[in-house]
Amino acid sequence: MKRTFSKKMWRETGAGYLLMSPTLFVLLLFIVGPIIFAIFLAFHKVQMLGTTTFEFVGLDNFQRIVHDTRAKIAFWNTLKYVVIVVPCQTILALVLAATLNAGLKGQKFFRIVYFLPTLTSSAVLTLIFMWMYNQNGLINHVLKVLGLPTYNWIGDPDVALNAIMIMNIWSTAPYFMVIYLAALQDIPDSLYEAAELDGANVLQKFWYVTVPYLRPVTSFVVIMGLIGTFQLFDQSYIFSAGSGGPNNSTLTVVLLIYQYAFKTLGTMGYAAALAFALAIIILIATLLQRKFSKEESLY
């Protein structure tokens, strides 16, 4: 049946789009437009000095990634960071939330204490940890008192990225803890009562009732964690003063994009190609996570 639009419907539709026009303009100008321009740059050699020129080079920028040693190191560092940080921050967030939801004394106080790292600026937090990671800093002092080996947390290529991982797990887990804590409030008490009647202990109730019920929330937490960890930049930049050192051990893909885009002349197109490749990797990782989590079957 053919649908006809009256003048009133056209006026209502036009009024709706008119009201949305400021938001649509902002989205097009600051989100959609830059994405399209970045894709355009990825297929061109860009000259920004003097007269701006764009030379179409096809897939040359993407082929360059395969032969770029620093790009391989950056992708490997980022992958290693994602594989370690995402599971650790997710598990820690779930454990903290379950602990705070258990009805312990002073839980309101601990909720505030646990959430404080999230309120701190990432740059300030990094500077604090750099002071703590100093060879004569707090962490090495505590390790020395306990009779454990100390480390050159910032200057040792074998330890530097691990130091950033520890800092980020500690600072991001409280944010996801709040999400888990809100979801735990929605679990019906009848499920735990039924599990108790079946003889389940505390750990069994957590594993067979809490964890399955929170699977959709866990899927969301993992996806947000994947997106955030793949985009690691500020901590790596501050730790290494923008170099990705020592010995490229803290070099991430986003930091490498920054270096090629703003520190090396004539490589803006290559930086855009790296950004495009990273976006594709994040998209694939997100889709795979959703597929394997099978969250849709729980609704």
Protein backbone atom coordinates (compact mmCIF):
# COMPACT_ATOMS: atom_id res chain seq x y z
CA MET A 1 0.00 0.00 0.00
CA LYS A 2 1.46 3.32 -1.07
CA ARG A 3 1.95 5.73 1.78
CA THR A 4 1.04 9.37 1.21
CA PHE A 5 2.36 12.31 3.22
CA SER A 6 0.02 15.15 4.08
CA LYS A 7 1.20 18.74 4.46
CA LYS A 8 0.93 18.37 8.23
CA MET A 9 3.23 15.34 8.24
CA TRP A 10 5.76 17.16 6.05
CA ARG A 11 5.68 20.13 8.42
CA GLU A 12 6.18 17.87 11.46
CA THR A 13 9.04 16.03 9.76
CA GLY A 14 10.66 19.31 8.72
CA ALA A 15 10.28 20.71 12.22
CA GLY A 16 11.89 17.58 13.68
CA TYR A 17 14.92 17.81 11.39
CA LEU A 18 15.14 21.54 12.06
CA LEU A 19 15.32 20.89 15.80
CA MET A 20 17.96 18.19 15.25
CA SER A 21 19.99 20.29 12.83
CA PRO A 22 22.44 21.72 15.45
CA THR A 23 23.26 18.21 16.67
CA LEU A 24 23.49 16.83 13.13
CA PHE A 25 25.79 19.71 12.17
CA VAL A 26 28.09 19.04 15.11
CA LEU A 27 28.17 15.29 14.35
CA LEU A 28 28.97 15.90 10.69
CA LEU A 29 31.59 18.54 11.45
CA PHE A 30 33.45 16.91 14.34
CA ILE A 31 32.83 13.14 13.93
CA VAL A 32 31.69 12.03 10.48
CA GLY A 33 33.70 14.66 8.60
CA PRO A 34 37.06 13.89 10.27
CA ILE A 35 36.52 10.14 9.79
CA ILE A 36 35.89 10.59 6.05
CA PHE A 37 38.88 12.96 5.75
CA ALA A 38 41.14 10.50 7.62
CA ILE A 39 40.14 7.71 5.23
CA PHE A 40 40.87 10.07 2.34
CA LEU A 41 44.33 10.85 3.76
CA ALA A 42 45.11 7.14 4.22
CA PHE A 43 45.20 6.69 0.44
CA HIS A 44 47.27 9.80 -0.29
CA LYS A 45 50.76 11.17 0.20
CA VAL A 46 50.21 14.49 1.92
CA GLN A 47 52.49 17.51 1.81
CA MET A 48 51.53 19.99 4.52
CA LEU A 49 54.39 22.50 4.25
CA GLY A 50 53.98 25.39 1.85
CA THR A 51 51.30 24.52 -0.67
CA THR A 52 49.21 21.62 0.63
CA THR A 53 49.17 18.79 -1.90
CA PHE A 54 47.51 15.37 -1.99
CA GLU A 55 49.05 12.69 -4.20
CA PHE A 56 46.99 9.52 -4.59
CA VAL A 57 49.16 6.48 -3.75
CA GLY A 58 46.53 3.74 -3.45
CA LEU A 59 47.49 1.07 -0.94
CA ASP A 60 51.13 2.15 -0.60
CA ASN A 61 50.61 3.54 2.90
CA PHE A 62 49.10 0.23 4.05
CA GLN A 63 51.88 -1.79 2.41
CA ARG A 64 54.39 0.36 4.26
CA ILE A 65 52.93 -0.81 7.59
CA VAL A 66 53.99 -4.39 6.79
CA HIS A 67 57.63 -3.32 6.31
CA ASP A 68 57.80 -0.77 9.14
CA THR A 69 59.72 -2.26 12.08
CA ARG A 70 58.48 0.36 14.56
CA ALA A 71 54.88 -0.24 13.46
CA LYS A 72 55.30 -3.98 14.14
CA ILE A 73 56.72 -3.20 17.60
CA ALA A 74 53.88 -0.77 18.32
CA PHE A 75 51.19 -3.26 17.29
CA TRP A 76 52.86 -6.01 19.35
CA ASN A 77 53.14 -3.77 22.44
CA THR A 78 49.51 -2.72 22.08
CA LEU A 79 48.32 -6.30 21.62
CA LYS A 80 50.28 -7.47 24.66
CA TYR A 81 48.88 -4.58 26.68
CA VAL A 82 45.29 -5.39 25.64
CA VAL A 83 45.60 -9.14 26.28
CA ILE A 84 46.89 -8.59 29.83
CA VAL A 85 45.04 -5.46 30.99
CA VAL A 86 41.49 -6.22 29.79
CA PRO A 87 41.09 -9.58 31.60
CA CYS A 88 42.86 -8.32 34.74
CA GLN A 89 40.80 -5.13 35.07
CA THR A 90 37.58 -7.04 34.36
CA ILE A 91 38.25 -9.74 36.96
CA LEU A 92 39.43 -7.20 39.54
CA ALA A 93 36.36 -5.03 38.95
CA LEU A 94 34.04 -8.01 39.39
CA VAL A 95 35.78 -9.16 42.59
CA LEU A 96 35.71 -5.65 44.08
CA ALA A 97 32.03 -5.23 43.22
CA ALA A 98 31.11 -8.61 44.69
CA THR A 99 33.05 -7.77 47.87
CA LEU A 100 31.29 -4.42 48.27
CA ASN A 101 27.92 -6.04 47.60
CA ALA A 102 28.39 -8.67 50.29
CA GLY A 103 27.09 -6.42 53.07
CA LEU A 104 30.39 -5.92 54.88
CA LYS A 105 30.79 -3.20 57.51
CA GLY A 106 31.97 0.12 56.15
CA GLN A 107 31.12 -0.75 52.55
CA LYS A 108 30.08 2.85 51.76
CA PHE A 109 33.49 4.07 52.89
CA PHE A 110 35.28 1.46 50.76
CA ARG A 111 33.14 2.33 47.74
CA ILE A 112 34.45 5.88 47.94
CA VAL A 113 38.06 4.76 48.50
CA TYR A 114 37.98 2.27 45.62
CA PHE A 115 36.48 4.82 43.23
CA LEU A 116 38.98 7.61 43.99
CA PRO A 117 41.56 6.55 41.32
CA THR A 118 38.92 7.04 38.62
CA LEU A 119 38.41 10.66 39.68
CA THR A 120 42.10 11.49 39.24
CA SER A 121 43.31 12.97 35.96
CA SER A 122 45.18 10.44 33.84
CA ALA A 123 48.15 12.79 33.43
CA VAL A 124 48.34 13.52 37.17
CA LEU A 125 48.01 9.84 37.98
CA THR A 126 50.85 9.01 35.59
CA LEU A 127 53.12 11.62 37.18
CA ILE A 128 52.33 10.23 40.64
CA PHE A 129 53.22 6.72 39.54
CA MET A 130 56.40 7.95 37.85
CA TRP A 131 57.43 9.33 41.25
CA MET A 132 56.52 6.02 42.88
CA TYR A 133 58.35 4.08 40.13
CA ASN A 134 61.53 6.10 40.59
CA GLN A 135 64.54 3.93 41.48
CA ASN A 136 64.51 5.55 44.91
CA GLY A 137 60.73 5.82 44.99
CA LEU A 138 58.04 4.35 47.21
CA ILE A 139 57.57 1.01 45.40
CA ASN A 140 61.27 0.10 45.37
CA HIS A 141 61.53 1.20 49.00
CA VAL A 142 58.69 -1.17 49.98
CA LEU A 143 60.24 -4.01 47.92
CA LYS A 144 63.59 -3.40 49.62
CA VAL A 145 62.00 -3.51 53.08
CA LEU A 146 60.31 -6.82 52.20
CA GLY A 147 63.59 -8.24 50.92
CA LEU A 148 62.36 -8.45 47.34
CA PRO A 149 64.29 -7.37 44.22
CA THR A 150 63.88 -3.77 43.07
CA TYR A 151 63.42 -2.67 39.46
CA ASN A 152 64.24 0.22 37.21
CA TRP A 153 60.54 0.60 36.39
CA ILE A 154 60.91 3.45 33.91
CA GLY A 155 64.34 2.80 32.37
CA ASP A 156 64.27 -0.98 31.88
CA PRO A 157 62.73 -2.07 28.52
CA ASP A 158 61.65 -5.38 30.07
CA VAL A 159 59.69 -3.67 32.85
CA ALA A 160 58.48 -0.30 31.52
CA LEU A 161 55.34 -1.55 29.75
CA ASN A 162 54.48 -3.76 32.74
CA ALA A 163 54.66 -0.68 34.95
CA ILE A 164 52.07 1.07 32.75
CA MET A 165 49.88 -2.06 32.84
CA ILE A 166 49.89 -2.15 36.65
CA MET A 167 48.99 1.53 36.85
CA ASN A 168 46.12 1.22 34.37
CA ILE A 169 44.64 -1.92 35.93
CA TRP A 170 44.62 -0.17 39.31
CA SER A 171 43.09 3.04 37.93
CA THR A 172 40.46 1.62 35.52
CA ALA A 173 39.10 -1.32 37.52
CA PRO A 174 37.12 0.96 39.93
CA TYR A 175 35.20 2.49 37.01
CA PHE A 176 34.02 -0.93 35.83
CA MET A 177 33.48 -1.94 39.46
CA VAL A 178 30.70 0.65 39.70
CA ILE A 179 29.02 -0.83 36.61
CA TYR A 180 29.20 -4.32 38.10
CA LEU A 181 27.95 -3.04 41.44
CA ALA A 182 24.85 -1.55 39.83
CA ALA A 183 24.18 -4.83 38.00
CA LEU A 184 24.59 -6.87 41.19
CA GLN A 185 21.74 -4.92 42.78
CA ASP A 186 19.39 -6.35 40.12
CA ILE A 187 20.11 -10.03 40.78
CA PRO A 188 17.00 -11.48 42.48
CA ASP A 189 17.59 -12.86 45.98
CA SER A 190 15.42 -15.85 45.02
CA LEU A 191 18.24 -17.14 42.80
CA TYR A 192 20.66 -17.23 45.72
CA GLU A 193 18.01 -18.78 47.98
CA ALA A 194 17.37 -21.52 45.42
CA ALA A 195 21.13 -22.16 45.18
CA GLU A 196 21.36 -22.43 48.98
CA LEU A 197 18.54 -24.99 49.00
CA ASP A 198 20.57 -27.01 46.49
CA GLY A 199 23.53 -26.92 48.89
CA ALA A 200 25.67 -24.33 47.08
CA ASN A 201 28.38 -22.59 49.10
CA VAL A 202 29.51 -18.97 48.66
CA LEU A 203 31.95 -19.68 45.83
CA GLN A 204 29.46 -21.89 44.00
CA LYS A 205 26.75 -19.22 44.22
CA PHE A 206 29.20 -16.68 42.83
CA TRP A 207 30.31 -18.93 39.95
CA TYR A 208 26.97 -20.47 38.99
CA VAL A 209 24.59 -17.58 39.77
CA THR A 210 26.42 -14.24 39.81
CA VAL A 211 28.82 -14.74 36.90
CA PRO A 212 26.24 -16.09 34.39
CA TYR A 213 23.71 -13.40 35.32
CA LEU A 214 26.32 -10.69 34.77
CA ARG A 215 27.46 -12.00 31.38
CA PRO A 216 25.82 -9.17 29.36
CA VAL A 217 27.45 -6.63 31.68
CA THR A 218 30.79 -8.41 31.35
CA SER A 219 30.44 -8.23 27.59
CA PHE A 220 29.94 -4.45 27.82
CA VAL A 221 32.89 -4.08 30.22
CA VAL A 222 35.18 -6.11 27.95
CA ILE A 223 34.17 -4.14 24.85
CA MET A 224 34.79 -0.81 26.61
CA GLY A 225 38.08 -2.18 27.91
CA LEU A 226 39.16 -3.27 24.43
CA ILE A 227 38.41 0.13 22.94
CA GLY A 228 40.18 1.96 25.77
CA THR A 229 43.30 -0.21 25.88
CA PHE A 230 43.80 -0.22 22.11
CA GLN A 231 43.86 3.59 22.30
CA LEU A 232 46.56 3.84 24.98
CA PHE A 233 48.46 7.09 24.45
CA ASP A 234 48.79 9.57 27.31
CA GLN A 235 50.47 7.29 29.86
CA SER A 236 52.93 5.98 27.28
CA TYR A 237 53.64 9.51 26.07
CA ILE A 238 54.31 10.87 29.57
CA PHE A 239 56.35 7.86 30.69
CA SER A 240 58.66 8.06 27.67
CA ALA A 241 58.52 11.84 27.03
CA GLY A 242 56.90 11.08 23.69
CA SER A 243 59.61 8.72 22.40
CA GLY A 244 58.03 5.35 23.19
CA GLY A 245 61.22 4.30 24.97
CA PRO A 246 63.20 2.85 26.47
CA ASN A 247 64.08 0.91 23.31
CA ASN A 248 60.49 1.24 21.96
CA SER A 249 59.19 -0.83 24.88
CA THR A 250 56.31 1.59 25.59
CA LEU A 251 55.61 2.49 21.96
CA THR A 252 51.92 2.01 21.19
CA VAL A 253 50.03 2.38 17.92
CA VAL A 254 48.37 5.66 18.91
CA LEU A 255 51.70 7.12 20.05
CA LEU A 256 53.26 6.04 16.75
CA ILE A 257 50.39 7.70 14.86
CA TYR A 258 51.06 10.90 16.80
CA GLN A 259 54.78 10.76 15.96
CA TYR A 260 54.20 10.23 12.24
CA ALA A 261 51.40 12.81 12.05
CA PHE A 262 52.99 15.69 13.98
CA LYS A 263 56.72 15.01 14.33
CA THR A 264 57.72 13.62 10.93
CA LEU A 265 57.25 15.70 7.79
CA GLY A 266 55.34 14.24 4.85
CA THR A 267 53.90 11.21 6.68
CA MET A 268 50.40 12.47 7.53
CA GLY A 269 48.91 10.00 5.02
CA TYR A 270 50.85 7.12 6.55
CA ALA A 271 49.67 8.14 10.03
CA ALA A 272 46.09 8.12 8.75
CA ALA A 273 46.64 4.63 7.33
CA LEU A 274 47.86 3.45 10.74
CA ALA A 275 44.79 4.99 12.38
CA PHE A 276 42.52 3.32 9.83
CA ALA A 277 44.21 -0.06 10.42
CA LEU A 278 43.83 0.36 14.20
CA ALA A 279 40.12 1.19 13.79
CA ILE A 280 39.61 -1.99 11.75
CA ILE A 281 41.41 -4.06 14.40
CA ILE A 282 39.26 -2.58 17.19
CA LEU A 283 36.11 -3.27 15.15
CA ILE A 284 37.12 -6.89 14.51
CA ALA A 285 38.06 -7.44 18.17
CA THR A 286 34.71 -6.01 19.30
CA LEU A 287 32.70 -8.14 16.85
CA LEU A 288 34.61 -11.30 17.87
CA GLN A 289 34.01 -10.56 21.54
CA ARG A 290 30.28 -10.12 20.95
CA LYS A 291 30.13 -13.34 18.95
CA PHE A 292 31.91 -15.46 21.54
CA SER A 293 30.09 -13.93 24.53
CA LYS A 294 26.70 -14.96 23.04
CA GLU A 295 25.10 -12.21 25.13
CA GLU A 296 21.99 -11.98 22.93
CA SER A 297 20.82 -15.45 24.02
CA LEU A 298 20.53 -14.25 27.63
CA TYR A 299 17.85 -11.65 27.05
